[in-house]
């Protein structure tokens, strides 16, 4: 759950933008929380071009960047939320 830039592990998260859809079976693209190390989101409920709904993984308290990676042709492209999120 994303609320006021705060996340609750085990809650639902949502990302809305363009070109978000990715192959969940491929380990390279996906949704990642980054704070020095990367944690890939394992449970994605909605994987559409303009919306992702996902279960926020168990993360240690701290600030995280949210990054979405998709494959276009042969290359991985990524987009990152401008604001850091807090657990």
PDB file of N, CA and C in Angstrom:
ATOM      1  N   UNK A   1       0.848  -1.170   0.000  1.00  0.00           N
ATOM      2  CA  UNK A   1       0.000   0.000   0.000  1.00  0.00           C
ATOM      3  C   UNK A   1       0.895   1.235   0.000  1.00  0.00           C
ATOM      4  N   UNK A   2       0.698   2.107  -0.947  1.00  0.00           N
ATOM      5  CA  UNK A   2       1.433   3.356  -1.001  1.00  0.00           C
ATOM      6  C   UNK A   2       0.499   4.447  -0.528  1.00  0.00           C
ATOM      7  N   UNK A   3       0.887   5.143   0.508  1.00  0.00           N
ATOM      8  CA  UNK A   3       0.042   6.203   1.035  1.00  0.00           C
ATOM      9  C   UNK A   3       0.934   7.300   1.547  1.00  0.00           C
ATOM     10  N   UNK A   4       0.860   8.455   0.919  1.00  0.00           N
ATOM     11  CA  UNK A   4       1.662   9.584   1.382  1.00  0.00           C
ATOM     12  C   UNK A   4       3.147   9.242   1.387  1.00  0.00           C
ATOM     13  N   UNK A   5       3.592   8.531   0.369  1.00  0.00           N
ATOM     14  CA  UNK A   5       4.988   8.114   0.204  1.00  0.00           C
ATOM     15  C   UNK A   5       5.422   7.068   1.218  1.00  0.00           C
ATOM     16  N   UNK A   6       4.491   6.513   1.975  1.00  0.00           N
ATOM     17  CA  UNK A   6       4.817   5.463   2.940  1.00  0.00           C
ATOM     18  C   UNK A   6       4.292   4.130   2.417  1.00  0.00           C
ATOM     19  N   UNK A   7       5.069   3.086   2.626  1.00  0.00           N
ATOM     20  CA  UNK A   7       4.685   1.748   2.188  1.00  0.00           C
ATOM     21  C   UNK A   7       4.522   0.851   3.402  1.00  0.00           C
ATOM     22  N   UNK A   8       3.605  -0.070   3.286  1.00  0.00           N
ATOM     23  CA  UNK A   8       3.404  -1.065   4.330  1.00  0.00           C
ATOM     24  C   UNK A   8       3.678  -2.432   3.712  1.00  0.00           C
ATOM     25  N   UNK A   9       4.756  -3.128   4.129  1.00  0.00           N
ATOM     26  CA  UNK A   9       5.026  -4.454   3.589  1.00  0.00           C
ATOM     27  C   UNK A   9       3.807  -5.360   3.741  1.00  0.00           C
ATOM     28  N   UNK A  10       3.510  -6.094   2.680  1.00  0.00           N
ATOM     29  CA  UNK A  10       2.341  -6.955   2.662  1.00  0.00           C
ATOM     30  C   UNK A  10       1.105  -6.253   2.137  1.00  0.00           C
ATOM     31  N   UNK A  11       1.181  -4.929   1.966  1.00  0.00           N
ATOM     32  CA  UNK A  11       0.076  -4.164   1.387  1.00  0.00           C
ATOM     33  C   UNK A  11       0.169  -4.165  -0.131  1.00  0.00           C
ATOM     34  N   UNK A  12      -0.811  -3.575  -0.767  1.00  0.00           N
ATOM     35  CA  UNK A  12      -0.823  -3.489  -2.223  1.00  0.00           C
ATOM     36  C   UNK A  12      -0.215  -2.172  -2.674  1.00  0.00           C
ATOM     37  N   UNK A  13       0.536  -2.237  -3.766  1.00  0.00           N
ATOM     38  CA  UNK A  13       1.104  -1.053  -4.396  1.00  0.00           C
ATOM     39  C   UNK A  13       0.538  -0.915  -5.792  1.00  0.00           C
ATOM     40  N   UNK A  14       0.565   0.294  -6.311  1.00  0.00           N
ATOM     41  CA  UNK A  14       0.055   0.559  -7.652  1.00  0.00           C
ATOM     42  C   UNK A  14       0.998   1.536  -8.346  1.00  0.00           C
ATOM     43  N   UNK A  15       1.285   1.250  -9.610  1.00  0.00           N
ATOM     44  CA  UNK A  15       2.045   2.167 -10.453  1.00  0.00           C
ATOM     45  C   UNK A  15       1.210   2.430 -11.696  1.00  0.00           C
ATOM     46  N   UNK A  16       1.064   3.702 -12.051  1.00  0.00           N
ATOM     47  CA  UNK A  16       0.295   4.092 -13.231  1.00  0.00           C
ATOM     48  C   UNK A  16       1.194   4.958 -14.101  1.00  0.00           C
ATOM     49  N   UNK A  17       1.407   4.538 -15.340  1.00  0.00           N
ATOM     50  CA  UNK A  17       2.244   5.270 -16.293  1.00  0.00           C
ATOM     51  C   UNK A  17       2.032   4.626 -17.664  1.00  0.00           C
ATOM     52  N   UNK A  18       2.995   4.773 -18.555  1.00  0.00           N
ATOM     53  CA  UNK A  18       2.915   4.169 -19.887  1.00  0.00           C
ATOM     54  C   UNK A  18       4.023   3.134 -20.048  1.00  0.00           C
ATOM     55  N   UNK A  19       3.753   2.119 -20.857  1.00  0.00           N
ATOM     56  CA  UNK A  19       4.740   1.076 -21.198  1.00  0.00           C
ATOM     57  C   UNK A  19       5.256   0.344 -19.968  1.00  0.00           C
ATOM     58  N   UNK A  20       4.365  -0.043 -19.084  1.00  0.00           N
ATOM     59  CA  UNK A  20       4.760  -0.710 -17.843  1.00  0.00           C
ATOM     60  C   UNK A  20       4.805  -2.233 -17.949  1.00  0.00           C
ATOM     61  N   UNK A  21       4.029  -2.819 -18.846  1.00  0.00           N
ATOM     62  CA  UNK A  21       3.891  -4.273 -18.888  1.00  0.00           C
ATOM     63  C   UNK A  21       5.241  -4.954 -19.116  1.00  0.00           C
ATOM     64  N   UNK A  22       5.435  -6.080 -18.423  1.00  0.00           N
ATOM     65  CA  UNK A  22       6.671  -6.845 -18.556  1.00  0.00           C
ATOM     66  C   UNK A  22       6.363  -8.327 -18.441  1.00  0.00           C
ATOM     67  N   UNK A  23       7.319  -9.155 -18.838  1.00  0.00           N
ATOM     68  CA  UNK A  23       7.185 -10.604 -18.735  1.00  0.00           C
ATOM     69  C   UNK A  23       7.593 -11.020 -17.324  1.00  0.00           C
ATOM     70  N   UNK A  24       6.630 -11.384 -16.508  1.00  0.00           N
ATOM     71  CA  UNK A  24       6.895 -11.716 -15.103  1.00  0.00           C
ATOM     72  C   UNK A  24       7.742 -12.981 -14.955  1.00  0.00           C
ATOM     73  N   UNK A  25       7.773 -13.841 -15.980  1.00  0.00           N
ATOM     74  CA  UNK A  25       8.569 -15.066 -15.911  1.00  0.00           C
ATOM     75  C   UNK A  25      10.054 -14.795 -16.153  1.00  0.00           C
ATOM     76  N   UNK A  26      10.376 -13.675 -16.770  1.00  0.00           N
ATOM     77  CA  UNK A  26      11.766 -13.283 -17.037  1.00  0.00           C
ATOM     78  C   UNK A  26      12.304 -12.559 -15.798  1.00  0.00           C
ATOM     79  N   UNK A  27      13.448 -12.971 -15.240  1.00  0.00           N
ATOM     80  CA  UNK A  27      13.949 -12.343 -14.009  1.00  0.00           C
ATOM     81  C   UNK A  27      14.553 -10.950 -14.197  1.00  0.00           C
ATOM     82  N   UNK A  28      14.796 -10.523 -15.432  1.00  0.00           N
ATOM     83  CA  UNK A  28      15.439  -9.227 -15.665  1.00  0.00           C
ATOM     84  C   UNK A  28      14.487  -8.041 -15.601  1.00  0.00           C
ATOM     85  N   UNK A  29      13.348  -8.080 -16.289  1.00  0.00           N
ATOM     86  CA  UNK A  29      12.400  -6.978 -16.114  1.00  0.00           C
ATOM     87  C   UNK A  29      11.584  -7.188 -14.845  1.00  0.00           C
ATOM     88  N   UNK A  30      10.836  -6.164 -14.449  1.00  0.00           N
ATOM     89  CA  UNK A  30       9.986  -6.303 -13.272  1.00  0.00           C
ATOM     90  C   UNK A  30       9.907  -5.021 -12.477  1.00  0.00           C
ATOM     91  N   UNK A  31       9.401  -5.156 -11.259  1.00  0.00           N
ATOM     92  CA  UNK A  31       9.270  -4.040 -10.323  1.00  0.00           C
ATOM     93  C   UNK A  31      10.309  -4.263  -9.231  1.00  0.00           C
ATOM     94  N   UNK A  32      11.097  -3.226  -8.942  1.00  0.00           N
ATOM     95  CA  UNK A  32      12.188  -3.348  -7.984  1.00  0.00           C
ATOM     96  C   UNK A  32      12.134  -2.223  -6.964  1.00  0.00           C
ATOM     97  N   UNK A  33      12.410  -2.564  -5.713  1.00  0.00           N
ATOM     98  CA  UNK A  33      12.624  -1.578  -4.656  1.00  0.00           C
ATOM     99  C   UNK A  33      14.126  -1.548  -4.403  1.00  0.00           C
ATOM    100  N   UNK A  34      14.716  -0.348  -4.439  1.00  0.00           N
ATOM    101  CA  UNK A  34      16.170  -0.217  -4.376  1.00  0.00           C
ATOM    102  C   UNK A  34      16.564   0.725  -3.241  1.00  0.00           C
ATOM    103  N   UNK A  35      17.455   0.244  -2.390  1.00  0.00           N
ATOM    104  CA  UNK A  35      18.042   1.085  -1.335  1.00  0.00           C
ATOM    105  C   UNK A  35      19.468   0.626  -1.057  1.00  0.00           C
ATOM    106  N   UNK A  36      20.258   0.541  -2.083  1.00  0.00           N
ATOM    107  CA  UNK A  36      21.598  -0.039  -1.986  1.00  0.00           C
ATOM    108  C   UNK A  36      21.587  -1.447  -2.541  1.00  0.00           C
ATOM    109  N   UNK A  37      20.628  -2.242  -2.141  1.00  0.00           N
ATOM    110  CA  UNK A  37      20.396  -3.551  -2.748  1.00  0.00           C
ATOM    111  C   UNK A  37      19.028  -3.512  -3.426  1.00  0.00           C
ATOM    112  N   UNK A  38      18.780  -4.490  -4.279  1.00  0.00           N
ATOM    113  CA  UNK A  38      17.514  -4.546  -5.015  1.00  0.00           C
ATOM    114  C   UNK A  38      16.637  -5.669  -4.484  1.00  0.00           C
ATOM    115  N   UNK A  39      15.356  -5.377  -4.337  1.00  0.00           N
ATOM    116  CA  UNK A  39      14.364  -6.389  -3.994  1.00  0.00           C
ATOM    117  C   UNK A  39      13.330  -6.399  -5.104  1.00  0.00           C
ATOM    118  N   UNK A  40      13.202  -7.543  -5.783  1.00  0.00           N
ATOM    119  CA  UNK A  40      12.243  -7.667  -6.882  1.00  0.00           C
ATOM    120  C   UNK A  40      10.884  -8.057  -6.317  1.00  0.00           C
ATOM    121  N   UNK A  41       9.842  -7.434  -6.825  1.00  0.00           N
ATOM    122  CA  UNK A  41       8.475  -7.788  -6.447  1.00  0.00           C
ATOM    123  C   UNK A  41       8.157  -9.149  -7.060  1.00  0.00           C
ATOM    124  N   UNK A  42       7.708 -10.075  -6.243  1.00  0.00           N
ATOM    125  CA  UNK A  42       7.421 -11.433  -6.708  1.00  0.00           C
ATOM    126  C   UNK A  42       5.952 -11.645  -7.061  1.00  0.00           C
ATOM    127  N   UNK A  43       5.051 -10.892  -6.432  1.00  0.00           N
ATOM    128  CA  UNK A  43       3.620 -11.101  -6.669  1.00  0.00           C
ATOM    129  C   UNK A  43       3.037  -9.870  -7.343  1.00  0.00           C
ATOM    130  N   UNK A  44       2.650 -10.055  -8.608  1.00  0.00           N
ATOM    131  CA  UNK A  44       2.053  -8.980  -9.401  1.00  0.00           C
ATOM    132  C   UNK A  44       0.639  -9.416  -9.757  1.00  0.00           C
ATOM    133  N   UNK A  45      -0.343  -8.637  -9.335  1.00  0.00           N
ATOM    134  CA  UNK A  45      -1.737  -8.982  -9.582  1.00  0.00           C
ATOM    135  C   UNK A  45      -2.265  -8.430 -10.893  1.00  0.00           C
ATOM    136  N   UNK A  46      -1.766  -7.279 -11.287  1.00  0.00           N
ATOM    137  CA  UNK A  46      -2.204  -6.650 -12.538  1.00  0.00           C
ATOM    138  C   UNK A  46      -0.950  -6.182 -13.264  1.00  0.00           C
ATOM    139  N   UNK A  47      -0.776  -6.651 -14.498  1.00  0.00           N
ATOM    140  CA  UNK A  47       0.411  -6.343 -15.288  1.00  0.00           C
ATOM    141  C   UNK A  47      -0.061  -5.854 -16.655  1.00  0.00           C
ATOM    142  N   UNK A  48      -0.444  -4.593 -16.707  1.00  0.00           N
ATOM    143  CA  UNK A  48      -0.970  -3.987 -17.935  1.00  0.00           C
ATOM    144  C   UNK A  48      -0.022  -2.890 -18.403  1.00  0.00           C
ATOM    145  N   UNK A  49      -0.207  -2.436 -19.616  1.00  0.00           N
ATOM    146  CA  UNK A  49       0.652  -1.401 -20.179  1.00  0.00           C
ATOM    147  C   UNK A  49       0.622  -0.094 -19.422  1.00  0.00           C
ATOM    148  N   UNK A  50      -0.510   0.221 -18.795  1.00  0.00           N
ATOM    149  CA  UNK A  50      -0.631   1.502 -18.093  1.00  0.00           C
ATOM    150  C   UNK A  50      -0.825   1.365 -16.585  1.00  0.00           C
ATOM    151  N   UNK A  51      -0.861   0.131 -16.075  1.00  0.00           N
ATOM    152  CA  UNK A  51      -1.068  -0.042 -14.635  1.00  0.00           C
ATOM    153  C   UNK A  51      -0.447  -1.343 -14.135  1.00  0.00           C
ATOM    154  N   UNK A  52       0.219  -1.240 -13.001  1.00  0.00           N
ATOM    155  CA  UNK A  52       0.726  -2.406 -12.283  1.00  0.00           C
ATOM    156  C   UNK A  52       0.140  -2.393 -10.877  1.00  0.00           C
ATOM    157  N   UNK A  53      -0.355  -3.530 -10.426  1.00  0.00           N
ATOM    158  CA  UNK A  53      -0.805  -3.710  -9.044  1.00  0.00           C
ATOM    159  C   UNK A  53       0.036  -4.854  -8.490  1.00  0.00           C
ATOM    160  N   UNK A  54       0.588  -4.660  -7.301  1.00  0.00           N
ATOM    161  CA  UNK A  54       1.534  -5.641  -6.785  1.00  0.00           C
ATOM    162  C   UNK A  54       1.528  -5.655  -5.266  1.00  0.00           C
ATOM    163  N   UNK A  55       2.013  -6.769  -4.729  1.00  0.00           N
ATOM    164  CA  UNK A  55       2.155  -6.927  -3.285  1.00  0.00           C
ATOM    165  C   UNK A  55       3.521  -6.376  -2.878  1.00  0.00           C
ATOM    166  N   UNK A  56       3.526  -5.442  -1.939  1.00  0.00           N
ATOM    167  CA  UNK A  56       4.782  -4.866  -1.464  1.00  0.00           C
ATOM    168  C   UNK A  56       5.511  -5.931  -0.644  1.00  0.00           C
ATOM    169  N   UNK A  57       6.759  -6.244  -1.032  1.00  0.00           N
ATOM    170  CA  UNK A  57       7.487  -7.303  -0.317  1.00  0.00           C
ATOM    171  C   UNK A  57       7.895  -6.872   1.089  1.00  0.00           C
ATOM    172  N   UNK A  58       8.345  -7.841   1.874  1.00  0.00           N
ATOM    173  CA  UNK A  58       8.861  -7.533   3.212  1.00  0.00           C
ATOM    174  C   UNK A  58      10.182  -6.800   3.058  1.00  0.00           C
ATOM    175  N   UNK A  59      10.187  -5.545   3.440  1.00  0.00           N
ATOM    176  CA  UNK A  59      11.365  -4.687   3.325  1.00  0.00           C
ATOM    177  C   UNK A  59      11.752  -4.178   4.702  1.00  0.00           C
ATOM    178  N   UNK A  60      13.035  -3.992   4.907  1.00  0.00           N
ATOM    179  CA  UNK A  60      13.521  -3.388   6.143  1.00  0.00           C
ATOM    180  C   UNK A  60      13.121  -1.917   6.163  1.00  0.00           C
ATOM    181  N   UNK A  61      12.916  -1.324   7.330  1.00  0.00           N
ATOM    182  CA  UNK A  61      12.602   0.104   7.387  1.00  0.00           C
ATOM    183  C   UNK A  61      13.689   0.930   6.701  1.00  0.00           C
ATOM    184  N   UNK A  62      13.253   1.953   5.983  1.00  0.00           N
ATOM    185  CA  UNK A  62      14.185   2.822   5.272  1.00  0.00           C
ATOM    186  C   UNK A  62      13.517   3.466   4.083  1.00  0.00           C
ATOM    187  N   UNK A  63      14.323   4.118   3.253  1.00  0.00           N
ATOM    188  CA  UNK A  63      13.814   4.768   2.048  1.00  0.00           C
ATOM    189  C   UNK A  63      14.209   3.949   0.827  1.00  0.00           C
ATOM    190  N   UNK A  64      13.287   3.868  -0.131  1.00  0.00           N
ATOM    191  CA  UNK A  64      13.477   3.042  -1.318  1.00  0.00           C
ATOM    192  C   UNK A  64      13.087   3.803  -2.573  1.00  0.00           C
ATOM    193  N   UNK A  65      13.839   3.551  -3.636  1.00  0.00           N
ATOM    194  CA  UNK A  65      13.446   4.000  -4.966  1.00  0.00           C
ATOM    195  C   UNK A  65      12.612   2.880  -5.574  1.00  0.00           C
ATOM    196  N   UNK A  66      11.576   3.237  -6.320  1.00  0.00           N
ATOM    197  CA  UNK A  66      10.744   2.269  -7.031  1.00  0.00           C
ATOM    198  C   UNK A  66      11.121   2.341  -8.502  1.00  0.00           C
ATOM    199  N   UNK A  67      11.517   1.205  -9.072  1.00  0.00           N
ATOM    200  CA  UNK A  67      11.943   1.163 -10.473  1.00  0.00           C
ATOM    201  C   UNK A  67      11.199   0.051 -11.193  1.00  0.00           C
ATOM    202  N   UNK A  68      10.715   0.342 -12.412  1.00  0.00           N
ATOM    203  CA  UNK A  68      10.060  -0.651 -13.263  1.00  0.00           C
ATOM    204  C   UNK A  68      10.934  -0.846 -14.489  1.00  0.00           C
ATOM    205  N   UNK A  69      11.201  -2.105 -14.823  1.00  0.00           N
ATOM    206  CA  UNK A  69      12.026  -2.442 -15.988  1.00  0.00           C
ATOM    207  C   UNK A  69      11.210  -3.288 -16.952  1.00  0.00           C
ATOM    208  N   UNK A  70      11.289  -2.930 -18.233  1.00  0.00           N
ATOM    209  CA  UNK A  70      10.608  -3.672 -19.295  1.00  0.00           C
ATOM    210  C   UNK A  70      11.588  -3.897 -20.433  1.00  0.00           C
ATOM    211  N   UNK A  71      11.325  -4.900 -21.246  1.00  0.00           N
ATOM    212  CA  UNK A  71      12.172  -5.173 -22.400  1.00  0.00           C
ATOM    213  C   UNK A  71      11.492  -4.637 -23.651  1.00  0.00           C
ATOM    214  N   UNK A  72      12.229  -3.842 -24.411  1.00  0.00           N
ATOM    215  CA  UNK A  72      11.787  -3.332 -25.703  1.00  0.00           C
ATOM    216  C   UNK A  72      12.799  -3.795 -26.726  1.00  0.00           C
ATOM    217  N   UNK A  73      12.367  -4.687 -27.627  1.00  0.00           N
ATOM    218  CA  UNK A  73      13.312  -5.267 -28.577  1.00  0.00           C
ATOM    219  C   UNK A  73      14.299  -6.138 -27.824  1.00  0.00           C
ATOM    220  N   UNK A  74      15.569  -5.799 -27.902  1.00  0.00           N
ATOM    221  CA  UNK A  74      16.613  -6.567 -27.231  1.00  0.00           C
ATOM    222  C   UNK A  74      17.155  -5.888 -25.975  1.00  0.00           C
ATOM    223  N   UNK A  75      16.645  -4.704 -25.638  1.00  0.00           N
ATOM    224  CA  UNK A  75      17.211  -3.978 -24.502  1.00  0.00           C
ATOM    225  C   UNK A  75      16.207  -3.777 -23.374  1.00  0.00           C
ATOM    226  N   UNK A  76      16.754  -3.674 -22.174  1.00  0.00           N
ATOM    227  CA  UNK A  76      15.929  -3.393 -20.999  1.00  0.00           C
ATOM    228  C   UNK A  76      15.884  -1.888 -20.800  1.00  0.00           C
ATOM    229  N   UNK A  77      14.683  -1.377 -20.638  1.00  0.00           N
ATOM    230  CA  UNK A  77      14.493   0.043 -20.334  1.00  0.00           C
ATOM    231  C   UNK A  77      13.878   0.144 -18.949  1.00  0.00           C
ATOM    232  N   UNK A  78      14.237   1.199 -18.242  1.00  0.00           N
ATOM    233  CA  UNK A  78      13.724   1.342 -16.882  1.00  0.00           C
ATOM    234  C   UNK A  78      13.214   2.751 -16.644  1.00  0.00           C
ATOM    235  N   UNK A  79      12.297   2.836 -15.709  1.00  0.00           N
ATOM    236  CA  UNK A  79      11.784   4.116 -15.252  1.00  0.00           C
ATOM    237  C   UNK A  79      11.745   4.089 -13.737  1.00  0.00           C
ATOM    238  N   UNK A  80      12.070   5.214 -13.138  1.00  0.00           N
ATOM    239  CA  UNK A  80      12.150   5.280 -11.679  1.00  0.00           C
ATOM    240  C   UNK A  80      11.262   6.406 -11.175  1.00  0.00           C
ATOM    241  N   UNK A  81      10.527   6.134 -10.107  1.00  0.00           N
ATOM    242  CA  UNK A  81       9.710   7.147  -9.451  1.00  0.00           C
ATOM    243  C   UNK A  81      10.625   8.253  -8.937  1.00  0.00           C
ATOM    244  N   UNK A  82      10.239   9.508  -9.153  1.00  0.00           N
ATOM    245  CA  UNK A  82      11.071  10.648  -8.755  1.00  0.00           C
ATOM    246  C   UNK A  82      11.232  10.768  -7.242  1.00  0.00           C
ATOM    247  N   UNK A  83      10.265  10.282  -6.503  1.00  0.00           N
ATOM    248  CA  UNK A  83      10.240  10.437  -5.051  1.00  0.00           C
ATOM    249  C   UNK A  83      10.640   9.134  -4.366  1.00  0.00           C
ATOM    250  N   UNK A  84      11.430   9.219  -3.309  1.00  0.00           N
ATOM    251  CA  UNK A  84      11.744   8.034  -2.519  1.00  0.00           C
ATOM    252  C   UNK A  84      10.542   7.662  -1.655  1.00  0.00           C
ATOM    253  N   UNK A  85      10.347   6.369  -1.470  1.00  0.00           N
ATOM    254  CA  UNK A  85       9.250   5.851  -0.655  1.00  0.00           C
ATOM    255  C   UNK A  85       9.811   5.333   0.665  1.00  0.00           C
ATOM    256  N   UNK A  86       9.035   5.433   1.716  1.00  0.00           N
ATOM    257  CA  UNK A  86       9.498   5.068   3.056  1.00  0.00           C
ATOM    258  C   UNK A  86       8.719   3.885   3.611  1.00  0.00           C
ATOM    259  N   UNK A  87       9.450   2.935   4.183  1.00  0.00           N
ATOM    260  CA  UNK A  87       8.840   1.814   4.906  1.00  0.00           C
ATOM    261  C   UNK A  87       8.907   2.159   6.377  1.00  0.00           C
TER     262      UNK A  87
END
